[in-house]
């Protein structure tokens, strides 16, 4: 098992409907722009596994941020 230092930057456009977000505002746009970035360490046996672990780590944080902001119409997570 090796320790990898990872840095992650990604920008995704996702189409999360207001019914899922339960947005209170009357926002015409249902497209939400999510920018994620970060750095940290992951433990893995090879580089490929390290990339997968890093992606899961940051994607999970992004989804968590989106869910926490469910009451706003448009936001950056």
PDB file of N, CA and C in Angstrom:
ATOM      1  N   UNK A   1       0.851  -1.182   0.000  1.00  0.00           N
ATOM      2  CA  UNK A   1       0.000   0.000   0.000  1.00  0.00           C
ATOM      3  C   UNK A   1       0.889   1.234   0.000  1.00  0.00           C
ATOM      4  N   UNK A   2       0.625   2.132  -0.939  1.00  0.00           N
ATOM      5  CA  UNK A   2       1.404   3.359  -1.059  1.00  0.00           C
ATOM      6  C   UNK A   2       0.519   4.554  -0.741  1.00  0.00           C
ATOM      7  N   UNK A   3       1.148   5.635  -0.374  1.00  0.00           N
ATOM      8  CA  UNK A   3       0.419   6.872  -0.110  1.00  0.00           C
ATOM      9  C   UNK A   3       0.654   7.814  -1.289  1.00  0.00           C
ATOM     10  N   UNK A   4      -0.414   8.302  -1.879  1.00  0.00           N
ATOM     11  CA  UNK A   4      -0.329   9.208  -3.021  1.00  0.00           C
ATOM     12  C   UNK A   4      -0.873  10.574  -2.621  1.00  0.00           C
ATOM     13  N   UNK A   5      -0.153  11.604  -3.015  1.00  0.00           N
ATOM     14  CA  UNK A   5      -0.676  12.965  -2.863  1.00  0.00           C
ATOM     15  C   UNK A   5      -1.478  13.268  -4.120  1.00  0.00           C
ATOM     16  N   UNK A   6      -2.696  13.707  -3.951  1.00  0.00           N
ATOM     17  CA  UNK A   6      -3.560  13.944  -5.108  1.00  0.00           C
ATOM     18  C   UNK A   6      -4.089  15.370  -5.100  1.00  0.00           C
ATOM     19  N   UNK A   7      -4.302  15.870  -6.295  1.00  0.00           N
ATOM     20  CA  UNK A   7      -4.930  17.170  -6.481  1.00  0.00           C
ATOM     21  C   UNK A   7      -6.036  16.973  -7.505  1.00  0.00           C
ATOM     22  N   UNK A   8      -7.173  17.567  -7.268  1.00  0.00           N
ATOM     23  CA  UNK A   8      -8.341  17.299  -8.106  1.00  0.00           C
ATOM     24  C   UNK A   8      -9.022  18.608  -8.459  1.00  0.00           C
ATOM     25  N   UNK A   9      -9.232  18.815  -9.752  1.00  0.00           N
ATOM     26  CA  UNK A   9      -9.991  19.970 -10.211  1.00  0.00           C
ATOM     27  C   UNK A   9     -10.932  19.502 -11.301  1.00  0.00           C
ATOM     28  N   UNK A  10     -12.184  19.814 -11.161  1.00  0.00           N
ATOM     29  CA  UNK A  10     -13.149  19.382 -12.165  1.00  0.00           C
ATOM     30  C   UNK A  10     -14.314  20.354 -12.161  1.00  0.00           C
ATOM     31  N   UNK A  11     -14.935  20.477 -13.310  1.00  0.00           N
ATOM     32  CA  UNK A  11     -16.122  21.312 -13.407  1.00  0.00           C
ATOM     33  C   UNK A  11     -17.155  20.525 -14.187  1.00  0.00           C
ATOM     34  N   UNK A  12     -18.293  20.312 -13.611  1.00  0.00           N
ATOM     35  CA  UNK A  12     -19.318  19.514 -14.270  1.00  0.00           C
ATOM     36  C   UNK A  12     -20.602  20.309 -14.353  1.00  0.00           C
ATOM     37  N   UNK A  13     -21.362  20.012 -15.356  1.00  0.00           N
ATOM     38  CA  UNK A  13     -22.697  20.595 -15.480  1.00  0.00           C
ATOM     39  C   UNK A  13     -23.683  19.463 -15.279  1.00  0.00           C
ATOM     40  N   UNK A  14     -24.537  19.624 -14.335  1.00  0.00           N
ATOM     41  CA  UNK A  14     -25.487  18.551 -14.052  1.00  0.00           C
ATOM     42  C   UNK A  14     -26.899  19.111 -14.112  1.00  0.00           C
ATOM     43  N   UNK A  15     -27.798  18.291 -14.472  1.00  0.00           N
ATOM     44  CA  UNK A  15     -29.188  18.719 -14.610  1.00  0.00           C
ATOM     45  C   UNK A  15     -29.999  18.124 -13.466  1.00  0.00           C
ATOM     46  N   UNK A  16     -29.967  18.788 -12.343  1.00  0.00           N
ATOM     47  CA  UNK A  16     -30.720  18.344 -11.172  1.00  0.00           C
ATOM     48  C   UNK A  16     -32.003  19.161 -11.118  1.00  0.00           C
ATOM     49  N   UNK A  17     -33.099  18.485 -11.181  1.00  0.00           N
ATOM     50  CA  UNK A  17     -34.377  19.202 -11.249  1.00  0.00           C
ATOM     51  C   UNK A  17     -34.757  19.814  -9.897  1.00  0.00           C
ATOM     52  N   UNK A  18     -35.561  20.843  -9.981  1.00  0.00           N
ATOM     53  CA  UNK A  18     -35.990  21.543  -8.769  1.00  0.00           C
ATOM     54  C   UNK A  18     -36.752  20.625  -7.821  1.00  0.00           C
ATOM     55  N   UNK A  19     -37.386  19.596  -8.366  1.00  0.00           N
ATOM     56  CA  UNK A  19     -38.136  18.697  -7.484  1.00  0.00           C
ATOM     57  C   UNK A  19     -37.194  17.940  -6.563  1.00  0.00           C
ATOM     58  N   UNK A  20     -36.001  17.644  -7.054  1.00  0.00           N
ATOM     59  CA  UNK A  20     -35.025  16.956  -6.214  1.00  0.00           C
ATOM     60  C   UNK A  20     -34.417  17.944  -5.226  1.00  0.00           C
ATOM     61  N   UNK A  21     -34.092  19.141  -5.719  1.00  0.00           N
ATOM     62  CA  UNK A  21     -33.468  20.144  -4.857  1.00  0.00           C
ATOM     63  C   UNK A  21     -34.478  20.818  -3.938  1.00  0.00           C
ATOM     64  N   UNK A  22     -35.763  20.711  -4.300  1.00  0.00           N
ATOM     65  CA  UNK A  22     -36.818  21.400  -3.559  1.00  0.00           C
ATOM     66  C   UNK A  22     -36.500  22.886  -3.431  1.00  0.00           C
ATOM     67  N   UNK A  23     -36.147  23.470  -4.566  1.00  0.00           N
ATOM     68  CA  UNK A  23     -35.752  24.878  -4.573  1.00  0.00           C
ATOM     69  C   UNK A  23     -36.961  25.764  -4.318  1.00  0.00           C
ATOM     70  N   UNK A  24     -36.759  26.791  -3.518  1.00  0.00           N
ATOM     71  CA  UNK A  24     -37.841  27.712  -3.181  1.00  0.00           C
ATOM     72  C   UNK A  24     -37.967  28.825  -4.222  1.00  0.00           C
ATOM     73  N   UNK A  25     -36.872  29.167  -4.881  1.00  0.00           N
ATOM     74  CA  UNK A  25     -36.897  30.303  -5.799  1.00  0.00           C
ATOM     75  C   UNK A  25     -37.461  29.892  -7.154  1.00  0.00           C
ATOM     76  N   UNK A  26     -37.908  30.870  -7.912  1.00  0.00           N
ATOM     77  CA  UNK A  26     -38.464  30.636  -9.235  1.00  0.00           C
ATOM     78  C   UNK A  26     -37.354  30.790 -10.260  1.00  0.00           C
ATOM     79  N   UNK A  27     -36.433  29.890 -10.261  1.00  0.00           N
ATOM     80  CA  UNK A  27     -35.284  29.990 -11.149  1.00  0.00           C
ATOM     81  C   UNK A  27     -35.610  29.296 -12.463  1.00  0.00           C
ATOM     82  N   UNK A  28     -35.401  30.012 -13.580  1.00  0.00           N
ATOM     83  CA  UNK A  28     -35.727  29.444 -14.886  1.00  0.00           C
ATOM     84  C   UNK A  28     -34.741  28.348 -15.281  1.00  0.00           C
ATOM     85  N   UNK A  29     -33.543  28.432 -14.793  1.00  0.00           N
ATOM     86  CA  UNK A  29     -32.517  27.472 -15.185  1.00  0.00           C
ATOM     87  C   UNK A  29     -32.512  26.282 -14.244  1.00  0.00           C
ATOM     88  N   UNK A  30     -32.548  25.096 -14.830  1.00  0.00           N
ATOM     89  CA  UNK A  30     -32.458  23.897 -13.996  1.00  0.00           C
ATOM     90  C   UNK A  30     -31.061  23.300 -14.060  1.00  0.00           C
ATOM     91  N   UNK A  31     -30.178  23.937 -14.828  1.00  0.00           N
ATOM     92  CA  UNK A  31     -28.805  23.451 -14.905  1.00  0.00           C
ATOM     93  C   UNK A  31     -27.991  24.042 -13.768  1.00  0.00           C
ATOM     94  N   UNK A  32     -27.293  23.202 -13.070  1.00  0.00           N
ATOM     95  CA  UNK A  32     -26.489  23.637 -11.934  1.00  0.00           C
ATOM     96  C   UNK A  32     -25.030  23.378 -12.263  1.00  0.00           C
ATOM     97  N   UNK A  33     -24.219  24.381 -12.075  1.00  0.00           N
ATOM     98  CA  UNK A  33     -22.790  24.237 -12.347  1.00  0.00           C
ATOM     99  C   UNK A  33     -22.083  23.899 -11.043  1.00  0.00           C
ATOM    100  N   UNK A  34     -21.350  22.827 -11.067  1.00  0.00           N
ATOM    101  CA  UNK A  34     -20.657  22.379  -9.869  1.00  0.00           C
ATOM    102  C   UNK A  34     -19.165  22.358 -10.144  1.00  0.00           C
ATOM    103  N   UNK A  35     -18.417  23.124  -9.391  1.00  0.00           N
ATOM    104  CA  UNK A  35     -16.959  23.114  -9.523  1.00  0.00           C
ATOM    105  C   UNK A  35     -16.379  22.462  -8.281  1.00  0.00           C
ATOM    106  N   UNK A  36     -15.551  21.479  -8.492  1.00  0.00           N
ATOM    107  CA  UNK A  36     -14.932  20.803  -7.355  1.00  0.00           C
ATOM    108  C   UNK A  36     -13.427  20.862  -7.483  1.00  0.00           C
ATOM    109  N   UNK A  37     -12.779  21.096  -6.406  1.00  0.00           N
ATOM    110  CA  UNK A  37     -11.321  21.027  -6.404  1.00  0.00           C
ATOM    111  C   UNK A  37     -10.863  20.730  -4.992  1.00  0.00           C
ATOM    112  N   UNK A  38      -9.666  20.239  -4.912  1.00  0.00           N
ATOM    113  CA  UNK A  38      -9.134  19.923  -3.601  1.00  0.00           C
ATOM    114  C   UNK A  38      -7.836  19.175  -3.714  1.00  0.00           C
ATOM    115  N   UNK A  39      -7.247  18.939  -2.600  1.00  0.00           N
ATOM    116  CA  UNK A  39      -6.024  18.144  -2.570  1.00  0.00           C
ATOM    117  C   UNK A  39      -6.030  17.338  -1.284  1.00  0.00           C
ATOM    118  N   UNK A  40      -5.265  16.294  -1.287  1.00  0.00           N
ATOM    119  CA  UNK A  40      -5.221  15.453  -0.106  1.00  0.00           C
ATOM    120  C   UNK A  40      -4.367  14.235  -0.359  1.00  0.00           C
ATOM    121  N   UNK A  41      -4.567  13.223   0.452  1.00  0.00           N
ATOM    122  CA  UNK A  41      -3.795  11.990   0.327  1.00  0.00           C
ATOM    123  C   UNK A  41      -4.745  10.808   0.274  1.00  0.00           C
ATOM    124  N   UNK A  42      -4.399   9.849  -0.560  1.00  0.00           N
ATOM    125  CA  UNK A  42      -5.142   8.597  -0.597  1.00  0.00           C
ATOM    126  C   UNK A  42      -4.144   7.447  -0.515  1.00  0.00           C
ATOM    127  N   UNK A  43      -4.614   6.345   0.003  1.00  0.00           N
ATOM    128  CA  UNK A  43      -3.784   5.139   0.101  1.00  0.00           C
ATOM    129  C   UNK A  43      -4.276   4.136  -0.937  1.00  0.00           C
ATOM    130  N   UNK A  44      -3.330   3.608  -1.712  1.00  0.00           N
ATOM    131  CA  UNK A  44      -3.695   2.653  -2.756  1.00  0.00           C
ATOM    132  C   UNK A  44      -2.487   1.802  -3.108  1.00  0.00           C
ATOM    133  N   UNK A  45      -2.767   0.690  -3.794  1.00  0.00           N
ATOM    134  CA  UNK A  45      -1.672  -0.212  -4.160  1.00  0.00           C
ATOM    135  C   UNK A  45      -1.033   0.173  -5.486  1.00  0.00           C
ATOM    136  N   UNK A  46      -1.748   0.924  -6.324  1.00  0.00           N
ATOM    137  CA  UNK A  46      -1.155   1.391  -7.580  1.00  0.00           C
ATOM    138  C   UNK A  46      -1.785   2.725  -7.974  1.00  0.00           C
ATOM    139  N   UNK A  47      -1.251   3.322  -9.030  1.00  0.00           N
ATOM    140  CA  UNK A  47      -1.687   4.662  -9.438  1.00  0.00           C
ATOM    141  C   UNK A  47      -3.144   4.670  -9.906  1.00  0.00           C
ATOM    142  N   UNK A  48      -3.549   3.628 -10.621  1.00  0.00           N
ATOM    143  CA  UNK A  48      -4.931   3.571 -11.101  1.00  0.00           C
ATOM    144  C   UNK A  48      -5.912   3.564  -9.929  1.00  0.00           C
ATOM    145  N   UNK A  49      -5.623   2.749  -8.943  1.00  0.00           N
ATOM    146  CA  UNK A  49      -6.490   2.687  -7.763  1.00  0.00           C
ATOM    147  C   UNK A  49      -6.486   4.022  -7.021  1.00  0.00           C
ATOM    148  N   UNK A  50      -5.338   4.687  -6.995  1.00  0.00           N
ATOM    149  CA  UNK A  50      -5.250   5.992  -6.339  1.00  0.00           C
ATOM    150  C   UNK A  50      -6.150   7.006  -7.028  1.00  0.00           C
ATOM    151  N   UNK A  51      -6.188   6.969  -8.358  1.00  0.00           N
ATOM    152  CA  UNK A  51      -7.060   7.889  -9.103  1.00  0.00           C
ATOM    153  C   UNK A  51      -8.530   7.618  -8.799  1.00  0.00           C
ATOM    154  N   UNK A  52      -8.895   6.346  -8.775  1.00  0.00           N
ATOM    155  CA  UNK A  52     -10.285   5.982  -8.472  1.00  0.00           C
ATOM    156  C   UNK A  52     -10.658   6.444  -7.066  1.00  0.00           C
ATOM    157  N   UNK A  53      -9.782   6.187  -6.115  1.00  0.00           N
ATOM    158  CA  UNK A  53     -10.048   6.591  -4.727  1.00  0.00           C
ATOM    159  C   UNK A  53     -10.183   8.102  -4.609  1.00  0.00           C
ATOM    160  N   UNK A  54      -9.306   8.836  -5.308  1.00  0.00           N
ATOM    161  CA  UNK A  54      -9.357  10.299  -5.257  1.00  0.00           C
ATOM    162  C   UNK A  54     -10.649  10.809  -5.870  1.00  0.00           C
ATOM    163  N   UNK A  55     -11.048  10.242  -7.011  1.00  0.00           N
ATOM    164  CA  UNK A  55     -12.297  10.661  -7.645  1.00  0.00           C
ATOM    165  C   UNK A  55     -13.485  10.419  -6.731  1.00  0.00           C
ATOM    166  N   UNK A  56     -13.539   9.240  -6.122  1.00  0.00           N
ATOM    167  CA  UNK A  56     -14.652   8.933  -5.224  1.00  0.00           C
ATOM    168  C   UNK A  56     -14.663   9.872  -4.027  1.00  0.00           C
ATOM    169  N   UNK A  57     -13.498  10.161  -3.515  1.00  0.00           N
ATOM    170  CA  UNK A  57     -13.392  11.036  -2.341  1.00  0.00           C
ATOM    171  C   UNK A  57     -13.953  12.427  -2.644  1.00  0.00           C
ATOM    172  N   UNK A  58     -13.555  13.008  -3.786  1.00  0.00           N
ATOM    173  CA  UNK A  58     -13.987  14.365  -4.104  1.00  0.00           C
ATOM    174  C   UNK A  58     -15.409  14.406  -4.641  1.00  0.00           C
ATOM    175  N   UNK A  59     -15.805  13.387  -5.402  1.00  0.00           N
ATOM    176  CA  UNK A  59     -17.175  13.356  -5.915  1.00  0.00           C
ATOM    177  C   UNK A  59     -18.164  13.221  -4.766  1.00  0.00           C
ATOM    178  N   UNK A  60     -17.853  12.374  -3.793  1.00  0.00           N
ATOM    179  CA  UNK A  60     -18.728  12.232  -2.627  1.00  0.00           C
ATOM    180  C   UNK A  60     -18.885  13.554  -1.894  1.00  0.00           C
ATOM    181  N   UNK A  61     -17.800  14.313  -1.774  1.00  0.00           N
ATOM    182  CA  UNK A  61     -17.879  15.618  -1.111  1.00  0.00           C
ATOM    183  C   UNK A  61     -18.760  16.571  -1.903  1.00  0.00           C
ATOM    184  N   UNK A  62     -18.662  16.513  -3.238  1.00  0.00           N
ATOM    185  CA  UNK A  62     -19.463  17.396  -4.080  1.00  0.00           C
ATOM    186  C   UNK A  62     -20.943  17.082  -3.936  1.00  0.00           C
ATOM    187  N   UNK A  63     -21.293  15.808  -3.984  1.00  0.00           N
ATOM    188  CA  UNK A  63     -22.693  15.406  -3.841  1.00  0.00           C
ATOM    189  C   UNK A  63     -23.227  15.839  -2.483  1.00  0.00           C
ATOM    190  N   UNK A  64     -22.414  15.681  -1.465  1.00  0.00           N
ATOM    191  CA  UNK A  64     -22.816  16.100  -0.120  1.00  0.00           C
ATOM    192  C   UNK A  64     -23.069  17.605  -0.080  1.00  0.00           C
ATOM    193  N   UNK A  65     -22.208  18.379  -0.745  1.00  0.00           N
ATOM    194  CA  UNK A  65     -22.382  19.835  -0.789  1.00  0.00           C
ATOM    195  C   UNK A  65     -23.660  20.212  -1.522  1.00  0.00           C
ATOM    196  N   UNK A  66     -23.951  19.508  -2.621  1.00  0.00           N
ATOM    197  CA  UNK A  66     -25.169  19.787  -3.379  1.00  0.00           C
ATOM    198  C   UNK A  66     -26.395  19.520  -2.521  1.00  0.00           C
ATOM    199  N   UNK A  67     -26.399  18.421  -1.803  1.00  0.00           N
ATOM    200  CA  UNK A  67     -27.557  18.080  -0.981  1.00  0.00           C
ATOM    201  C   UNK A  67     -27.746  19.062   0.170  1.00  0.00           C
ATOM    202  N   UNK A  68     -26.653  19.584   0.709  1.00  0.00           N
ATOM    203  CA  UNK A  68     -26.764  20.552   1.802  1.00  0.00           C
ATOM    204  C   UNK A  68     -27.392  21.853   1.325  1.00  0.00           C
ATOM    205  N   UNK A  69     -27.208  22.164   0.032  1.00  0.00           N
ATOM    206  CA  UNK A  69     -27.716  23.424  -0.511  1.00  0.00           C
ATOM    207  C   UNK A  69     -29.072  23.247  -1.187  1.00  0.00           C
ATOM    208  N   UNK A  70     -29.831  22.227  -0.795  1.00  0.00           N
ATOM    209  CA  UNK A  70     -31.053  21.894  -1.524  1.00  0.00           C
ATOM    210  C   UNK A  70     -32.119  22.979  -1.469  1.00  0.00           C
ATOM    211  N   UNK A  71     -32.016  23.926  -0.551  1.00  0.00           N
ATOM    212  CA  UNK A  71     -33.045  24.952  -0.438  1.00  0.00           C
ATOM    213  C   UNK A  71     -32.764  26.193  -1.268  1.00  0.00           C
ATOM    214  N   UNK A  72     -31.641  26.229  -1.972  1.00  0.00           N
ATOM    215  CA  UNK A  72     -31.346  27.404  -2.793  1.00  0.00           C
ATOM    216  C   UNK A  72     -31.605  27.085  -4.252  1.00  0.00           C
ATOM    217  N   UNK A  73     -31.881  28.120  -5.036  1.00  0.00           N
ATOM    218  CA  UNK A  73     -32.220  27.911  -6.439  1.00  0.00           C
ATOM    219  C   UNK A  73     -31.010  27.679  -7.309  1.00  0.00           C
ATOM    220  N   UNK A  74     -29.974  28.464  -7.137  1.00  0.00           N
ATOM    221  CA  UNK A  74     -28.750  28.309  -7.920  1.00  0.00           C
ATOM    222  C   UNK A  74     -27.582  28.578  -6.992  1.00  0.00           C
ATOM    223  N   UNK A  75     -26.552  27.810  -7.131  1.00  0.00           N
ATOM    224  CA  UNK A  75     -25.457  27.929  -6.171  1.00  0.00           C
ATOM    225  C   UNK A  75     -24.195  27.323  -6.735  1.00  0.00           C
ATOM    226  N   UNK A  76     -23.102  27.604  -6.097  1.00  0.00           N
ATOM    227  CA  UNK A  76     -21.833  26.939  -6.401  1.00  0.00           C
ATOM    228  C   UNK A  76     -21.495  26.052  -5.224  1.00  0.00           C
ATOM    229  N   UNK A  77     -21.161  24.802  -5.513  1.00  0.00           N
ATOM    230  CA  UNK A  77     -20.801  23.873  -4.447  1.00  0.00           C
ATOM    231  C   UNK A  77     -19.297  23.669  -4.448  1.00  0.00           C
TER     232      UNK A  77
END
